[in-house]
């Protein structure tokens, strides 16, 4: 399984793409490296992958639900994969 693209909207540090940037990352074939300054969203990208692949503990999912802002659109997480 190869991860090809990650898109997030309204998930932690990423916004809806209007006022606050969303994540729209097309991964290159082979090795991709995630680097950035503190609070840039590196851990958020990993958490989004974990959330979509259901590799998170119950406590993590509960923590995400508790941090949701009511009155705002729900988070949207999408991943595109290829299976070889």
N, C-alpha and C. Protein backbone atom coordinates (compact mmCIF):
# COMPACT_ATOMS: atom_id res chain seq x y z
N UNK A 1 0.85 -1.17 0.00
CA UNK A 1 0.00 0.00 0.00
C UNK A 1 0.90 1.24 0.00
N UNK A 2 0.60 2.16 -0.90
CA UNK A 2 1.36 3.40 -1.01
C UNK A 2 0.42 4.58 -0.82
N UNK A 3 0.81 5.48 0.02
CA UNK A 3 0.03 6.69 0.26
C UNK A 3 0.38 7.69 -0.84
N UNK A 4 -0.64 8.15 -1.58
CA UNK A 4 -0.41 9.05 -2.70
C UNK A 4 -0.74 10.50 -2.40
N UNK A 5 -1.79 10.73 -1.61
CA UNK A 5 -2.23 12.10 -1.37
C UNK A 5 -2.95 12.18 -0.03
N UNK A 6 -2.75 13.30 0.67
CA UNK A 6 -3.42 13.56 1.95
C UNK A 6 -4.11 14.92 1.84
N UNK A 7 -5.38 14.96 2.23
CA UNK A 7 -6.12 16.22 2.28
C UNK A 7 -6.81 16.33 3.63
N UNK A 8 -6.69 17.48 4.27
CA UNK A 8 -7.42 17.71 5.51
C UNK A 8 -8.09 19.08 5.45
N UNK A 9 -9.22 19.15 6.10
CA UNK A 9 -9.95 20.41 6.26
C UNK A 9 -10.42 20.47 7.71
N UNK A 10 -10.21 21.60 8.36
CA UNK A 10 -10.69 21.83 9.73
C UNK A 10 -10.20 20.77 10.71
N UNK A 11 -8.96 20.37 10.58
CA UNK A 11 -8.37 19.37 11.47
C UNK A 11 -7.18 19.99 12.17
N UNK A 12 -7.33 20.23 13.47
CA UNK A 12 -6.31 20.82 14.32
C UNK A 12 -5.73 22.11 13.73
N UNK A 13 -4.46 22.14 13.32
CA UNK A 13 -3.87 23.41 12.85
C UNK A 13 -4.28 23.77 11.43
N UNK A 14 -4.88 22.83 10.70
CA UNK A 14 -5.29 23.09 9.33
C UNK A 14 -6.74 23.55 9.28
N UNK A 15 -6.99 24.55 8.46
CA UNK A 15 -8.33 25.12 8.38
C UNK A 15 -9.09 24.65 7.16
N UNK A 16 -10.00 25.50 6.70
CA UNK A 16 -10.87 25.16 5.58
C UNK A 16 -10.28 25.56 4.22
N UNK A 17 -9.11 26.14 4.22
CA UNK A 17 -8.47 26.55 2.98
C UNK A 17 -8.78 27.98 2.59
N UNK A 18 -9.63 28.64 3.35
CA UNK A 18 -9.98 30.04 3.04
C UNK A 18 -9.18 30.95 3.96
N UNK A 19 -9.63 31.12 5.18
CA UNK A 19 -8.94 31.99 6.14
C UNK A 19 -7.68 31.32 6.69
N UNK A 20 -7.78 30.02 6.95
CA UNK A 20 -6.65 29.24 7.49
C UNK A 20 -6.32 28.15 6.47
N UNK A 21 -5.05 28.01 6.09
CA UNK A 21 -4.69 27.02 5.07
C UNK A 21 -5.09 25.60 5.44
N UNK A 22 -5.53 24.86 4.44
CA UNK A 22 -5.82 23.43 4.58
C UNK A 22 -4.58 22.66 4.13
N UNK A 23 -4.60 21.37 4.35
CA UNK A 23 -3.49 20.52 3.89
C UNK A 23 -3.93 19.81 2.61
N UNK A 24 -3.15 19.95 1.58
CA UNK A 24 -3.37 19.29 0.30
C UNK A 24 -2.00 18.83 -0.19
N UNK A 25 -1.60 17.62 0.17
CA UNK A 25 -0.22 17.17 -0.06
C UNK A 25 -0.21 15.96 -0.97
N UNK A 26 0.34 16.13 -2.17
CA UNK A 26 0.52 15.04 -3.11
C UNK A 26 1.92 14.49 -2.88
N UNK A 27 2.01 13.24 -2.44
CA UNK A 27 3.31 12.66 -2.11
C UNK A 27 3.99 12.15 -3.37
N UNK A 28 5.30 12.31 -3.42
CA UNK A 28 6.09 11.83 -4.54
C UNK A 28 6.32 10.33 -4.37
N UNK A 29 6.52 9.61 -5.48
CA UNK A 29 6.86 8.18 -5.36
C UNK A 29 8.17 8.03 -4.58
N UNK A 30 8.26 7.00 -3.79
CA UNK A 30 9.47 6.77 -3.01
C UNK A 30 9.36 7.36 -1.62
N UNK A 31 10.46 7.86 -1.12
CA UNK A 31 10.55 8.38 0.24
C UNK A 31 10.15 9.85 0.30
N UNK A 32 9.29 10.19 1.24
CA UNK A 32 8.90 11.58 1.50
C UNK A 32 9.29 11.90 2.93
N UNK A 33 9.85 13.08 3.14
CA UNK A 33 10.29 13.49 4.47
C UNK A 33 9.49 14.72 4.89
N UNK A 34 9.01 14.68 6.12
CA UNK A 34 8.19 15.75 6.67
C UNK A 34 9.03 16.55 7.66
N UNK A 35 9.34 17.80 7.30
CA UNK A 35 10.12 18.68 8.18
C UNK A 35 9.40 20.02 8.29
N UNK A 36 9.64 20.71 9.38
CA UNK A 36 9.04 22.03 9.56
C UNK A 36 9.35 22.57 10.94
N UNK A 37 9.01 23.83 11.14
CA UNK A 37 9.23 24.48 12.43
C UNK A 37 8.25 23.93 13.46
N UNK A 38 8.49 24.29 14.72
CA UNK A 38 7.56 23.91 15.78
C UNK A 38 6.17 24.46 15.46
N UNK A 39 5.16 23.66 15.74
CA UNK A 39 3.76 24.03 15.55
C UNK A 39 3.40 24.28 14.08
N UNK A 40 4.12 23.62 13.16
CA UNK A 40 3.83 23.76 11.73
C UNK A 40 2.80 22.75 11.26
N UNK A 41 2.57 21.68 12.05
CA UNK A 41 1.57 20.69 11.68
C UNK A 41 2.13 19.32 11.36
N UNK A 42 3.40 19.07 11.65
CA UNK A 42 4.00 17.76 11.36
C UNK A 42 3.27 16.64 12.10
N UNK A 43 3.06 16.79 13.39
CA UNK A 43 2.36 15.77 14.17
C UNK A 43 0.90 15.66 13.74
N UNK A 44 0.32 16.76 13.31
CA UNK A 44 -1.07 16.74 12.84
C UNK A 44 -1.20 15.87 11.59
N UNK A 45 -0.22 15.93 10.70
CA UNK A 45 -0.24 15.08 9.50
C UNK A 45 -0.19 13.61 9.91
N UNK A 46 0.69 13.26 10.84
CA UNK A 46 0.79 11.88 11.31
C UNK A 46 -0.50 11.46 12.00
N UNK A 47 -1.07 12.34 12.81
CA UNK A 47 -2.33 12.03 13.50
C UNK A 47 -3.47 11.84 12.51
N UNK A 48 -3.49 12.61 11.43
CA UNK A 48 -4.53 12.44 10.40
C UNK A 48 -4.41 11.07 9.74
N UNK A 49 -3.19 10.65 9.44
CA UNK A 49 -2.97 9.33 8.86
C UNK A 49 -3.45 8.26 9.83
N UNK A 50 -3.08 8.39 11.09
CA UNK A 50 -3.50 7.41 12.10
C UNK A 50 -5.02 7.36 12.23
N UNK A 51 -5.65 8.52 12.18
CA UNK A 51 -7.10 8.58 12.33
C UNK A 51 -7.80 7.88 11.17
N UNK A 52 -7.36 8.13 9.94
CA UNK A 52 -7.99 7.53 8.77
C UNK A 52 -7.76 6.02 8.74
N UNK A 53 -6.58 5.58 9.11
CA UNK A 53 -6.27 4.15 9.08
C UNK A 53 -6.73 3.41 10.34
N UNK A 54 -7.41 4.10 11.25
CA UNK A 54 -7.91 3.52 12.50
C UNK A 54 -6.80 2.84 13.30
N UNK A 55 -5.66 3.51 13.40
CA UNK A 55 -4.57 2.96 14.21
C UNK A 55 -4.38 3.78 15.47
N UNK A 56 -5.46 4.34 15.96
CA UNK A 56 -5.38 5.16 17.16
C UNK A 56 -6.09 4.49 18.32
N UNK A 57 -5.68 4.84 19.48
CA UNK A 57 -6.34 4.30 20.67
C UNK A 57 -7.65 5.03 20.91
N UNK A 58 -8.49 4.46 21.73
CA UNK A 58 -9.78 5.06 22.07
C UNK A 58 -9.56 6.43 22.72
N UNK A 59 -8.54 6.56 23.55
CA UNK A 59 -8.28 7.83 24.23
C UNK A 59 -7.96 8.93 23.23
N UNK A 60 -7.22 8.59 22.18
CA UNK A 60 -6.86 9.58 21.16
C UNK A 60 -8.11 10.06 20.43
N UNK A 61 -8.98 9.13 20.04
CA UNK A 61 -10.21 9.50 19.34
C UNK A 61 -11.08 10.36 20.24
N UNK A 62 -11.19 10.00 21.50
CA UNK A 62 -11.99 10.79 22.44
C UNK A 62 -11.41 12.20 22.59
N UNK A 63 -10.08 12.30 22.61
CA UNK A 63 -9.43 13.61 22.72
C UNK A 63 -9.77 14.48 21.51
N UNK A 64 -9.77 13.89 20.32
CA UNK A 64 -10.11 14.64 19.12
C UNK A 64 -11.54 15.13 19.17
N UNK A 65 -12.47 14.27 19.61
CA UNK A 65 -13.87 14.67 19.70
C UNK A 65 -14.04 15.80 20.70
N UNK A 66 -13.30 15.77 21.79
CA UNK A 66 -13.42 16.79 22.81
C UNK A 66 -12.89 18.14 22.38
N UNK A 67 -11.99 18.17 21.39
CA UNK A 67 -11.40 19.44 20.94
C UNK A 67 -12.15 20.05 19.77
N UNK A 68 -13.23 19.44 19.36
CA UNK A 68 -13.97 19.94 18.21
C UNK A 68 -14.71 21.22 18.58
N UNK A 69 -14.64 22.20 17.71
CA UNK A 69 -15.32 23.47 17.93
C UNK A 69 -16.72 23.40 17.34
N UNK A 70 -17.70 23.56 18.17
CA UNK A 70 -19.08 23.52 17.70
C UNK A 70 -19.40 24.82 16.98
N UNK A 71 -20.22 24.73 15.95
CA UNK A 71 -20.52 25.88 15.12
C UNK A 71 -19.60 25.98 13.92
N UNK A 72 -18.58 25.13 13.86
CA UNK A 72 -17.67 25.08 12.72
C UNK A 72 -17.89 23.76 11.99
N UNK A 73 -17.54 23.69 10.71
CA UNK A 73 -17.70 22.43 9.98
C UNK A 73 -16.85 21.33 10.62
N UNK A 74 -17.30 20.09 10.55
CA UNK A 74 -16.51 18.99 11.12
C UNK A 74 -15.23 18.77 10.33
N UNK A 75 -14.24 18.15 10.95
CA UNK A 75 -13.00 17.85 10.23
C UNK A 75 -13.26 16.92 9.05
N UNK A 76 -12.50 17.10 8.00
CA UNK A 76 -12.58 16.23 6.83
C UNK A 76 -11.17 15.72 6.56
N UNK A 77 -11.02 14.40 6.58
CA UNK A 77 -9.73 13.77 6.33
C UNK A 77 -9.89 12.82 5.15
N UNK A 78 -9.05 12.97 4.13
CA UNK A 78 -9.08 12.08 2.99
C UNK A 78 -7.67 11.65 2.64
N UNK A 79 -7.55 10.38 2.24
CA UNK A 79 -6.28 9.87 1.77
C UNK A 79 -6.52 9.04 0.53
N UNK A 80 -5.59 9.14 -0.37
CA UNK A 80 -5.65 8.36 -1.60
C UNK A 80 -4.46 7.41 -1.57
N UNK A 81 -4.75 6.13 -1.76
CA UNK A 81 -3.69 5.12 -1.69
C UNK A 81 -3.72 4.28 -2.96
N UNK A 82 -2.60 3.64 -3.24
CA UNK A 82 -2.55 2.65 -4.31
C UNK A 82 -2.02 1.36 -3.69
N UNK A 83 -2.58 0.27 -4.13
CA UNK A 83 -2.19 -1.04 -3.61
C UNK A 83 -1.53 -1.82 -4.74
N UNK A 84 -0.30 -2.24 -4.48
CA UNK A 84 0.44 -3.02 -5.49
C UNK A 84 0.78 -4.37 -4.94
